[in-house]
Protein backbone atom coordinates (compact mmCIF):
# COMPACT_ATOMS: atom_id res chain seq x y z
CA MET A 1 135.98 -114.78 -32.22
CA PRO A 2 134.00 -117.05 -34.57
CA LYS A 3 135.52 -119.12 -37.33
CA PHE A 4 134.51 -118.36 -40.87
CA LEU A 5 132.80 -120.44 -43.51
CA SER A 6 134.42 -121.02 -46.85
CA LEU A 7 131.67 -119.01 -48.58
CA TYR A 8 133.51 -115.99 -47.24
CA PHE A 9 136.75 -117.58 -48.43
CA LEU A 10 135.30 -118.17 -51.88
CA GLY A 11 133.99 -114.65 -52.27
CA LEU A 12 137.29 -113.11 -51.26
CA THR A 13 139.32 -115.40 -53.46
CA LEU A 14 137.15 -114.96 -56.53
CA LEU A 15 137.25 -111.21 -56.07
CA LEU A 16 141.02 -111.26 -56.06
CA SER A 17 141.20 -113.72 -58.92
CA GLN A 18 139.51 -111.06 -61.07
CA PHE A 19 142.71 -109.07 -60.67
CA ALA A 20 144.63 -111.51 -62.85
CA PHE A 21 146.43 -109.95 -65.78
CA ALA A 22 146.40 -111.10 -69.37
CA ASN A 23 149.52 -112.93 -70.57
CA ASP A 24 150.96 -109.73 -72.05
CA PRO A 25 153.02 -108.31 -69.14
CA ILE A 26 152.87 -104.75 -70.47
CA LYS A 27 149.17 -104.61 -71.29
CA GLU A 28 147.36 -101.77 -69.58
CA THR A 29 143.87 -102.12 -68.15
CA LYS A 30 141.16 -99.50 -67.67
CA THR A 31 140.80 -100.30 -63.99
CA ALA A 32 143.54 -100.72 -61.43
CA GLN A 33 144.64 -104.30 -60.81
CA THR A 34 146.32 -105.82 -57.76
CA HIS A 35 149.61 -107.62 -58.22
CA ILE A 36 150.95 -109.79 -55.38
CA ALA A 37 154.44 -111.22 -54.92
CA HIS A 38 155.89 -113.29 -52.06
CA TYR A 39 159.54 -113.80 -51.15
CA GLU A 40 161.39 -115.75 -48.47
CA ASN A 41 164.72 -115.06 -46.73
CA VAL A 42 164.26 -111.30 -46.69
CA LEU A 43 165.70 -109.74 -43.52
CA GLY A 44 165.43 -113.15 -41.91
CA THR A 45 161.72 -113.58 -42.60
CA SER A 46 159.09 -113.44 -45.37
CA LEU A 47 158.19 -110.54 -47.67
CA GLU A 48 154.88 -109.74 -49.36
CA ILE A 49 154.47 -106.94 -51.92
CA LYS A 50 151.06 -105.80 -53.15
CA THR A 51 150.80 -103.13 -55.83
CA SER A 52 147.81 -101.43 -57.42
CA VAL A 53 148.65 -100.73 -61.08
CA TYR A 54 147.18 -100.31 -64.55
CA ALA A 55 150.07 -102.15 -66.21
CA GLU A 56 151.84 -105.19 -64.82
CA LYS A 57 155.15 -103.80 -66.07
CA GLN A 58 154.85 -101.06 -63.45
CA ALA A 59 154.26 -103.66 -60.75
CA THR A 60 157.48 -105.39 -61.81
CA ILE A 61 159.37 -102.08 -61.65
CA ALA A 62 157.97 -101.36 -58.19
CA GLU A 63 158.78 -104.86 -56.98
CA GLN A 64 162.39 -104.56 -58.11
CA ALA A 65 162.68 -101.13 -56.50
CA VAL A 66 161.52 -102.63 -53.19
CA LEU A 67 164.05 -105.46 -53.38
CA ASN A 68 166.87 -103.10 -54.37
CA GLU A 69 166.17 -100.73 -51.48
CA ILE A 70 165.96 -103.56 -48.95
CA GLU A 71 169.28 -104.89 -50.22
CA ARG A 72 170.89 -101.42 -50.13
CA LEU A 73 169.81 -100.68 -46.55
CA SER A 74 170.65 -104.19 -45.37
CA LYS A 75 174.23 -103.61 -46.49
CA ILE A 76 174.24 -100.51 -44.30
CA LEU A 77 172.31 -101.57 -41.18
CA SER A 78 172.67 -105.34 -40.83
CA GLY A 79 174.29 -106.66 -37.68
CA TYR A 80 174.45 -110.15 -39.20
CA ASP A 81 176.53 -109.23 -42.26
CA ALA A 82 180.20 -108.79 -41.34
CA ASN A 83 180.64 -106.55 -44.39
CA SER A 84 177.80 -104.13 -43.62
CA GLU A 85 178.61 -100.53 -42.78
CA PHE A 86 177.26 -101.03 -39.26
CA SER A 87 179.41 -104.14 -38.65
CA LYS A 88 182.54 -102.39 -39.90
CA TRP A 89 181.76 -99.38 -37.70
CA MET A 90 181.28 -101.76 -34.74
CA ALA A 91 184.84 -103.00 -35.29
CA THR A 92 186.13 -99.49 -34.53
CA HIS A 93 186.55 -98.02 -31.06
CA ASP A 94 186.93 -94.47 -29.75
CA GLN A 95 187.15 -93.12 -33.29
CA ALA A 96 184.82 -90.52 -34.78
CA ILE A 97 183.77 -92.25 -38.00
CA LYS A 98 181.94 -90.49 -40.82
CA VAL A 99 178.87 -92.62 -41.45
CA SER A 100 176.08 -92.67 -44.02
CA LYS A 101 173.00 -90.57 -43.39
CA GLU A 102 170.95 -93.80 -43.00
CA LEU A 103 173.20 -95.27 -40.32
CA PHE A 104 173.42 -91.93 -38.51
CA SER A 105 169.64 -91.60 -38.63
CA VAL A 106 169.02 -95.06 -37.14
CA LEU A 107 171.64 -94.60 -34.42
CA ASN A 108 170.04 -91.26 -33.56
CA LEU A 109 166.59 -92.86 -33.45
CA PHE A 110 167.88 -95.49 -31.03
CA ASP A 111 169.12 -92.73 -28.74
CA GLN A 112 165.70 -91.11 -28.86
CA TRP A 113 163.79 -94.33 -28.21
CA ARG A 114 166.13 -95.44 -25.44
CA SER A 115 165.25 -92.19 -23.67
CA ARG A 116 161.52 -92.22 -24.45
CA THR A 117 161.05 -95.78 -23.19
CA ASN A 118 163.32 -95.38 -20.15
CA GLY A 119 165.62 -98.06 -21.51
CA ALA A 120 162.99 -100.57 -22.63
CA LEU A 121 164.46 -100.28 -26.14
CA ASP A 122 168.23 -100.59 -26.29
CA PRO A 123 170.58 -101.73 -29.08
CA SER A 124 172.51 -103.78 -26.51
CA ALA A 125 169.51 -106.06 -25.88
CA GLU A 126 171.63 -108.47 -27.92
CA ILE A 127 173.66 -109.03 -24.72
CA VAL A 128 170.56 -110.35 -22.97
CA ASN A 129 169.46 -112.46 -25.93
CA LYS A 130 172.91 -114.04 -26.01
CA ILE A 131 172.90 -115.20 -22.37
CA TRP A 132 169.42 -116.71 -22.76
CA LYS A 133 170.38 -118.56 -25.96
CA GLU A 134 173.45 -119.94 -24.19
CA ALA A 135 171.25 -120.98 -21.25
CA ALA A 136 168.82 -122.76 -23.57
CA ALA A 137 171.70 -124.68 -25.16
CA LYS A 138 172.62 -125.92 -21.67
CA SER A 139 168.98 -126.51 -20.65
CA GLN A 140 169.37 -124.29 -17.62
CA LEU A 141 168.48 -120.76 -16.61
CA PRO A 142 171.17 -118.06 -16.73
CA SER A 143 173.06 -117.55 -13.51
CA GLN A 144 172.40 -114.45 -11.44
CA GLU A 145 175.98 -113.40 -12.12
CA ALA A 146 175.38 -113.57 -15.89
CA ILE A 147 172.20 -111.51 -15.50
CA ASN A 148 173.93 -108.90 -13.36
CA ASN A 149 176.82 -108.63 -15.82
CA ALA A 150 174.37 -108.19 -18.71
CA ILE A 151 172.53 -105.40 -16.89
CA SER A 152 175.83 -103.65 -16.24
CA ASP A 153 176.85 -103.91 -19.90
CA VAL A 154 173.48 -102.62 -21.10
CA LYS A 155 173.78 -99.49 -18.95
CA GLN A 156 176.87 -98.37 -20.82
CA VAL A 157 176.78 -95.51 -23.30
CA HIS A 158 177.35 -97.26 -26.61
CA TRP A 159 178.14 -94.39 -28.97
CA VAL A 160 178.47 -90.65 -29.31
CA LEU A 161 176.98 -88.86 -32.30
CA ASP A 162 178.08 -85.59 -33.90
CA ALA A 163 175.25 -84.27 -36.06
CA LYS A 164 177.29 -81.40 -37.51
CA ASN A 165 179.96 -83.71 -38.92
CA GLN A 166 177.69 -86.78 -39.25
CA THR A 167 180.11 -88.94 -37.28
CA ALA A 168 179.52 -91.76 -34.83
CA THR A 169 182.02 -92.84 -32.19
CA HIS A 170 181.69 -96.38 -30.89
CA ILE A 171 182.71 -96.38 -27.21
CA SER A 172 181.28 -99.51 -25.51
CA ASN A 173 182.31 -103.16 -25.70
CA ALA A 174 178.74 -104.46 -25.73
CA PRO A 175 177.46 -106.49 -28.70
CA LEU A 176 174.89 -104.38 -30.54
CA LYS A 177 172.13 -105.08 -33.07
CA LEU A 178 169.89 -102.52 -34.76
CA ASN A 179 166.70 -104.51 -34.29
CA SER A 180 163.40 -103.29 -32.76
CA PHE A 181 162.46 -100.83 -35.51
CA ALA A 182 165.18 -100.98 -38.18
CA LYS A 183 162.95 -103.34 -40.16
CA SER A 184 160.15 -100.76 -40.17
CA TYR A 185 162.64 -98.07 -41.20
CA ILE A 186 163.67 -100.24 -44.17
CA ILE A 187 160.03 -100.97 -45.11
CA GLN A 188 159.21 -97.26 -45.28
CA SER A 189 162.27 -96.57 -47.44
CA ALA A 190 161.35 -99.47 -49.74
CA VAL A 191 157.80 -98.12 -50.15
CA ASP A 192 159.13 -94.65 -50.95
CA ALA A 193 161.56 -96.11 -53.50
CA ALA A 194 158.76 -98.01 -55.25
CA MET A 195 156.43 -95.01 -55.36
CA ASN A 196 159.22 -92.94 -56.94
CA ALA A 197 160.33 -95.60 -59.41
CA ALA A 198 157.01 -96.79 -60.86
CA LYS A 199 153.63 -95.47 -61.95
CA ILE A 200 151.54 -97.17 -59.30
CA ASN A 201 148.39 -96.19 -57.45
CA GLY A 202 149.55 -97.67 -54.19
CA ILE A 203 151.66 -100.32 -52.57
CA ILE A 204 151.82 -102.50 -49.46
CA VAL A 205 155.16 -103.86 -48.27
CA ASN A 206 154.84 -106.44 -45.51
CA ILE A 207 158.02 -107.89 -44.02
CA GLY A 208 157.44 -110.48 -41.35
CA GLY A 209 154.12 -108.99 -40.26
CA ASP A 210 155.14 -105.32 -40.16
CA MET A 211 153.87 -103.26 -43.07
CA VAL A 212 153.39 -99.88 -44.68
CA ILE A 213 150.20 -99.25 -46.67
CA SER A 214 150.70 -96.36 -49.07
CA GLY A 215 148.84 -94.52 -51.81
CA GLU A 216 145.33 -95.62 -52.77
CA MET A 217 145.63 -99.06 -51.16
CA ASN A 218 142.83 -99.45 -48.60
CA GLU A 219 143.54 -102.79 -46.99
CA LYS A 220 141.84 -105.17 -44.61
CA VAL A 221 144.51 -106.31 -42.17
CA TRP A 222 144.19 -109.32 -39.90
CA ILE A 223 145.90 -109.32 -36.52
CA SER A 224 147.11 -112.80 -35.62
CA ASN A 225 145.76 -114.30 -32.44
CA PRO A 226 148.88 -114.80 -30.27
CA LYS A 227 147.34 -117.99 -28.85
CA ALA A 228 146.25 -119.37 -32.23
CA ASP A 229 148.62 -118.15 -34.91
CA ALA A 230 148.37 -120.79 -37.64
CA GLU A 231 148.01 -119.37 -41.15
CA ASN A 232 144.31 -120.23 -41.26
CA ASP A 233 143.40 -119.47 -37.65
CA ALA A 234 140.81 -116.77 -37.08
CA PRO A 235 142.41 -113.39 -36.35
CA ILE A 236 142.02 -111.68 -33.03
CA ASP A 237 140.89 -108.54 -34.87
CA GLN A 238 140.54 -107.07 -38.36
CA LEU A 239 141.35 -103.49 -39.33
CA GLN A 240 140.74 -101.30 -42.38
CA ILE A 241 143.94 -99.33 -43.03
CA GLN A 242 144.98 -96.73 -45.59
CA GLY A 243 148.03 -94.48 -45.63
CA LYS A 244 149.55 -95.83 -42.42
CA ALA A 245 152.08 -98.24 -40.99
CA ILE A 246 151.24 -101.16 -38.73
CA ALA A 247 153.56 -103.33 -36.67
CA THR A 248 153.04 -106.25 -34.30
CA SER A 249 155.46 -107.76 -31.81
CA GLY A 250 154.80 -110.79 -29.64
CA ASN A 251 156.35 -113.72 -27.83
CA TYR A 252 154.57 -116.53 -29.66
CA ARG A 253 156.79 -117.35 -32.63
CA ARG A 254 160.37 -116.97 -31.48
CA GLY A 255 162.05 -117.61 -28.17
CA GLU A 256 163.82 -120.22 -26.08
CA LEU A 257 162.48 -123.39 -24.47
CA ILE A 258 164.27 -124.18 -21.20
CA ASN A 259 163.15 -127.17 -19.12
CA GLY A 260 159.71 -127.10 -20.71
CA GLN A 261 159.18 -123.37 -20.08
CA TRP A 262 158.87 -120.90 -22.98
CA TYR A 263 160.85 -117.67 -22.75
CA SER A 264 160.21 -114.83 -25.20
CA HIS A 265 162.87 -113.57 -27.60
CA ILE A 266 161.75 -110.08 -26.59
CA VAL A 267 163.77 -109.12 -23.53
CA ASP A 268 163.80 -106.25 -21.07
CA PRO A 269 167.33 -104.77 -21.28
CA ARG A 270 166.85 -103.16 -17.86
CA THR A 271 166.37 -106.47 -16.04
CA ALA A 272 168.05 -108.88 -18.49
CA LEU A 273 164.90 -111.02 -18.32
CA PRO A 274 162.50 -112.10 -21.08
CA ALA A 275 159.38 -109.94 -21.34
CA ASN A 276 156.45 -112.10 -20.27
CA GLU A 277 153.48 -109.96 -19.21
CA VAL A 278 152.44 -108.88 -22.72
CA ILE A 279 152.11 -111.53 -25.43
CA SER A 280 151.18 -109.27 -28.36
CA ALA A 281 151.20 -105.55 -29.13
CA THR A 282 149.98 -104.00 -32.39
CA VAL A 283 150.55 -100.34 -33.21
CA VAL A 284 149.13 -98.26 -36.07
CA THR A 285 150.72 -94.88 -36.86
CA LYS A 286 151.64 -92.63 -39.76
CA ASP A 287 155.35 -93.23 -39.12
CA ALA A 288 156.73 -96.73 -39.73
CA THR A 289 159.65 -96.46 -37.30
CA ASP A 290 157.27 -95.26 -34.57
CA ALA A 291 155.06 -98.30 -35.20
CA GLY A 292 157.98 -100.74 -35.03
CA ALA A 293 159.55 -99.13 -31.97
CA LEU A 294 156.31 -98.87 -30.01
CA ALA A 295 155.16 -102.41 -30.83
CA THR A 296 158.40 -103.81 -29.41
CA ALA A 297 158.47 -101.42 -26.44
CA PHE A 298 154.87 -102.25 -25.53
CA ASN A 299 155.90 -105.89 -25.08
CA VAL A 300 158.55 -104.82 -22.59
CA MET A 301 156.81 -102.01 -20.70
CA LYS A 302 153.86 -102.39 -18.37
CA PRO A 303 150.52 -101.62 -20.07
CA ASN A 304 149.97 -98.44 -18.05
CA GLU A 305 153.42 -97.18 -19.11
CA SER A 306 152.68 -98.04 -22.74
CA ILE A 307 149.34 -96.23 -22.64
CA ALA A 308 150.96 -93.13 -21.16
CA LEU A 309 153.67 -93.13 -23.84
CA ALA A 310 151.12 -93.54 -26.65
CA GLU A 311 148.97 -90.72 -25.29
CA SER A 312 151.99 -88.43 -25.21
CA MET A 313 152.26 -88.81 -29.00
CA THR A 314 149.89 -87.96 -31.84
CA ASP A 315 148.11 -90.41 -34.12
CA VAL A 316 149.10 -93.58 -32.26
CA ASP A 317 146.61 -96.44 -32.00
CA TYR A 318 147.34 -99.72 -30.28
CA LEU A 319 146.04 -103.10 -29.18
CA ILE A 320 147.87 -104.76 -26.29
CA ILE A 321 147.12 -108.34 -25.20
CA THR A 322 148.50 -109.66 -21.91
CA ARG A 323 149.19 -113.26 -20.99
CA ASN A 324 146.17 -113.13 -18.68
CA GLY A 325 143.91 -112.25 -21.61
CA GLU A 326 143.51 -108.55 -20.79
CA ARG A 327 142.96 -106.34 -23.81
CA PHE A 328 144.02 -102.69 -23.89
CA GLU A 329 142.92 -100.53 -26.84
CA SER A 330 143.50 -96.92 -27.79
CA LYS A 331 140.45 -94.65 -27.74
CA ASN A 332 140.31 -94.60 -31.55
CA TRP A 333 140.85 -98.35 -32.04
CA LYS A 334 137.19 -99.13 -32.72
CA ASN A 335 137.25 -96.67 -35.63
CA LEU A 336 139.94 -98.76 -37.32
CA GLU A 337 138.12 -102.06 -36.96
CA ALA A 338 136.40 -103.69 -39.94
CA ALA A 339 133.53 -106.05 -39.25
CA ILE A 340 133.93 -109.70 -40.21
CA PRO A 341 130.77 -111.58 -41.22
CA ALA A 342 129.81 -113.80 -38.29
CA THR A 343 129.16 -117.41 -39.25
CA ALA A 344 128.55 -120.63 -37.39
CA ALA A 345 129.56 -124.18 -38.11
CA ILE A 346 126.97 -126.52 -39.58
CA ASN A 347 127.03 -129.42 -37.15
CA ASN A 348 124.76 -131.70 -39.17
CA GLY A 349 124.27 -133.90 -36.13
CA GLN A 350 128.01 -134.08 -35.46
CA LYS A 351 129.77 -132.63 -32.45
CA ASP A 352 132.73 -130.31 -32.96
CA TRP A 353 135.95 -132.28 -32.86
CA SER A 354 137.97 -132.10 -29.65
CA LYS A 355 141.12 -132.68 -31.70
CA GLU A 356 142.71 -131.06 -34.72
CA VAL A 357 145.21 -131.87 -37.45
CA VAL A 358 148.21 -129.52 -37.35
CA ILE A 359 150.40 -129.25 -40.45
CA ASN A 360 153.84 -127.67 -40.11
CA LEU A 361 155.26 -127.01 -43.56
CA GLU A 362 158.88 -126.00 -43.99
CA LEU A 363 159.92 -125.00 -47.48
CA ALA A 364 163.32 -126.04 -48.80
CA THR A 365 166.01 -123.46 -48.05
CA GLN A 366 166.69 -121.10 -50.92
CA TYR A 367 169.65 -118.76 -50.99
CA GLY A 368 169.16 -115.05 -51.47
CA TYR A 369 165.74 -113.48 -51.95
CA ALA A 370 163.66 -116.39 -53.22
CA LYS A 371 160.10 -116.19 -54.51
CA ARG A 372 157.76 -118.36 -52.53
CA PRO A 373 156.62 -121.39 -54.58
CA PHE A 374 152.99 -122.09 -55.38
CA ALA A 375 151.34 -124.52 -52.98
CA ALA A 376 148.10 -126.30 -52.19
CA VAL A 377 147.24 -128.04 -48.92
CA TRP A 378 144.00 -129.96 -48.82
CA ILE A 379 142.13 -132.80 -47.10
CA GLU A 380 140.51 -135.77 -48.84
CA ASP A 381 138.10 -138.27 -47.30
CA ALA A 382 138.23 -142.06 -47.64
CA ASP A 383 136.53 -141.77 -51.05
CA LYS A 384 139.33 -139.46 -52.26
CA LYS A 385 136.98 -136.51 -52.39
CA THR A 386 138.34 -133.09 -51.46
CA VAL A 387 136.51 -131.95 -48.35
CA LYS A 388 138.67 -129.00 -47.36
CA THR A 389 141.20 -126.81 -49.15
CA ILE A 390 143.30 -125.36 -46.35
CA ALA A 391 145.79 -123.28 -48.32
CA LEU A 392 146.13 -122.26 -51.94
CA TRP A 393 149.11 -120.10 -52.92
CA TYR A 394 149.42 -118.89 -56.48
CA ASN A 395 150.26 -115.79 -58.46
CA LYS A 396 147.49 -114.71 -60.80
CA GLY A 397 144.94 -117.15 -62.15
CA ARG A 398 147.02 -118.52 -64.99
CA TRP A 399 149.54 -120.12 -62.62
CA LEU A 400 146.96 -122.18 -60.74
CA PRO A 401 147.24 -125.19 -63.12
CA ASP A 402 150.90 -125.55 -62.07
CA LEU A 403 149.45 -127.19 -58.98
CA ARG A 404 148.43 -129.99 -61.28
CA ASP A 405 147.19 -132.59 -58.79
CA TRP A 406 145.00 -130.14 -56.88
CA TYR A 407 143.83 -128.57 -60.15
CA ARG A 408 143.06 -131.93 -61.77
CA LYS A 409 140.91 -132.97 -58.84
CA ASN A 410 139.24 -129.67 -58.09
CA GLY A 411 139.17 -127.86 -61.43
CA THR A 412 138.44 -124.18 -61.13
CA SER A 413 136.54 -124.42 -57.85
CA ILE A 414 138.60 -122.19 -55.59
CA ALA A 415 137.85 -122.46 -51.89
CA ALA A 416 140.96 -121.37 -50.04
CA ASP A 417 141.41 -119.96 -46.61
CA PRO A 418 140.99 -116.16 -46.65
CA SER A 419 144.49 -115.65 -45.25
CA THR A 420 145.71 -116.62 -48.73
CA PHE A 421 145.16 -113.04 -49.82
CA VAL A 422 144.54 -110.73 -46.87
CA SER A 423 147.41 -108.85 -45.26
CA ILE A 424 148.37 -110.24 -41.86
CA THR A 425 150.24 -108.46 -39.10
CA SER A 426 151.89 -110.75 -36.58
CA SER A 427 155.01 -111.49 -34.61
CA THR A 428 157.90 -112.03 -37.02
CA ARG A 429 157.98 -115.51 -38.54
CA SER A 430 161.01 -117.57 -39.49
CA PRO A 431 161.43 -117.68 -43.28
CA GLY A 432 159.75 -120.53 -45.11
CA LYS A 433 157.93 -121.96 -42.08
CA TYR A 434 154.14 -122.16 -42.09
CA THR A 435 151.64 -123.75 -39.71
CA MET A 436 148.09 -124.71 -40.73
CA LYS A 437 145.26 -126.44 -38.90
CA TRP A 438 142.21 -128.53 -39.76
CA GLU A 439 139.41 -128.97 -37.22
CA GLY A 440 137.32 -131.55 -39.06
CA LYS A 441 135.08 -129.25 -41.11
CA ASP A 442 134.54 -129.17 -44.85
CA ASP A 443 134.69 -126.15 -47.15
CA LYS A 444 131.11 -125.23 -46.20
CA GLY A 445 131.84 -125.36 -42.48
CA THR A 446 130.01 -128.65 -41.93
CA VAL A 447 131.42 -130.78 -39.13
CA LEU A 448 132.47 -134.14 -40.62
CA LYS A 449 132.41 -137.60 -39.10
CA SER A 450 135.64 -138.74 -37.50
CA GLY A 451 137.49 -141.34 -39.51
CA LYS A 452 140.31 -141.70 -42.04
CA TYR A 453 141.35 -138.61 -43.97
CA THR A 454 144.41 -137.84 -46.09
CA VAL A 455 146.46 -134.67 -45.96
CA HIS A 456 147.79 -133.63 -49.38
CA ILE A 457 150.58 -131.08 -49.85
CA GLU A 458 151.59 -129.97 -53.34
CA VAL A 459 154.37 -127.43 -53.89
CA ALA A 460 155.58 -126.21 -57.30
CA ARG A 461 158.09 -123.51 -58.18
CA GLU A 462 157.92 -121.61 -61.46
CA HIS A 463 160.89 -122.87 -63.49
CA GLY A 464 161.82 -124.98 -60.45
CA GLY A 465 161.08 -128.20 -58.61
CA TYR A 466 157.90 -130.01 -57.65
CA ASP A 467 156.80 -132.00 -54.58
CA LEU A 468 153.60 -133.92 -53.88
CA LEU A 469 153.27 -135.41 -50.39
CA GLU A 470 150.38 -137.16 -48.66
CA GLN A 471 149.68 -138.65 -45.28
CA GLU A 472 146.66 -140.60 -44.06
CA VAL A 473 145.47 -139.72 -40.56
CA ASN A 474 142.91 -141.76 -38.66
CA CYS A 475 140.90 -139.07 -36.93
CA ALA A 476 138.97 -141.63 -34.91
CA ASN A 477 142.08 -142.86 -33.09
CA ALA A 478 144.52 -141.60 -30.49
CA ASP A 479 147.06 -138.86 -31.04
CA GLN A 480 149.35 -139.38 -34.03
CA GLN A 481 152.42 -137.70 -35.47
CA PHE A 482 154.10 -138.09 -38.87
CA THR A 483 157.16 -136.59 -40.54
CA LEU A 484 157.37 -136.28 -44.32
CA LYS A 485 160.33 -135.24 -46.47
CA GLY A 486 160.23 -133.46 -49.80
CA SER A 487 162.63 -133.95 -52.68
CA SER A 488 163.09 -130.42 -53.98
CA GLU A 489 160.76 -127.64 -52.81
CA VAL A 490 159.69 -128.99 -49.42
CA GLY A 491 162.22 -129.30 -46.64
CA ALA A 492 160.06 -131.16 -44.14
CA VAL A 493 156.43 -131.58 -43.12
CA ASN A 494 155.19 -132.53 -39.68
CA VAL A 495 151.57 -133.71 -39.45
CA GLU A 496 150.13 -134.08 -35.98
CA TYR A 497 146.69 -135.15 -34.76
CA LYS A 498 146.18 -133.91 -31.23
CA ILE A 499 143.94 -132.17 -28.72
CA LYS A 500 143.00 -128.68 -29.87
CA SER A 501 145.27 -125.95 -28.59
CA ALA A 502 143.78 -123.33 -26.27
CA THR A 503 142.89 -120.06 -27.99
CA ASN A 504 141.68 -117.96 -25.07
């Protein structure tokens, strides 16, 4: 898939910048405006909320409704919070416990999906994850005995449900986690809560790459390339979505490295082995829990099994990518795709670089649901001229000057990567961790001469701290690697100059 010139970036960014509100937070406009908010540390990943409103006050109400509903359901369903309803229920055994309708519903859904996928989805997959994490800590593969014991534990019946009395009886000793699709279940509930609480035209809630697009929102959605998943990498596909949920699962962001070999965090509970044939599965459906469940299951099941399951259901579209590069699409997939303007690099007598600069930015850890700070990442040449703005994060036009160094040097010329504003579906990211790349091209797509360039990273939090970091990289020399430390908003930055990673 071709890379895109910054003219496309500029057009998209300027379009969205027109959505900025006036300083009066309750002022209504004649046309709907888009309000965007980003948070970290939400369900162990990042959260993006987009609302279409006539008054910013309504966007604030919707945003708070989303956060409140996520918090409420997390206290019910979390397997990581010892005080959640699920964790307290897990501490019981052979007792019929009256549970909330939400917990009963999710437990019931797990029973259904365990059956529909022939065990590919199972709440006791946590058993398998545990033995592989322990193996990674020892830098050795799990023993066959450990694998056999895990398979035996998975095969247990974990609970018995009584729909009439809304009770759940915990009967196994296996560690359980309500992953797979609980996140999608929470997203749908959060969207419903926002639509009921505020006067909004539509809303998108995106948690870690899984999202629900509701109301009048008609969104272009990028699907991350599992072999090139930096924030500004070209997507593997682009969709136009309205009134549906979309979820992506893959093995490319989380897992275990054992003796130089990468093992996916997505495991097959039936074999107690990491799933390795499929590297990415994206599912689009009307039902959010279906999307989340199928996306995970399609990473575990063989493609022909996944296709058969999807075809047994209604309104299910999918894109499955295998490690061998095979691509499986539903019959209707092409109807969802949105064309991306094809562009080509301007070589200007220069050859494309064989190397790239990779920037791994880790934000400072914030406790609780923390709004993502504003940030700018850009490249300057030896004459201190900005040649490429890689990332530009800000909320509404009036906050852009908070990035004072970038703003002082570049004024109001906004040329950010398009992923600054588009919705992206991908394998779940770790909170506050972002990867960006630079391949030696300027904002117009012109290939530059190799030589000395400086990476600049500026991060500012509203009513918070400020960091400005820079690192010179000689792009005419051998591979290089640098580690930078922030003082308040940036945890760490790793800058690496190396051979380009394979994307096919």
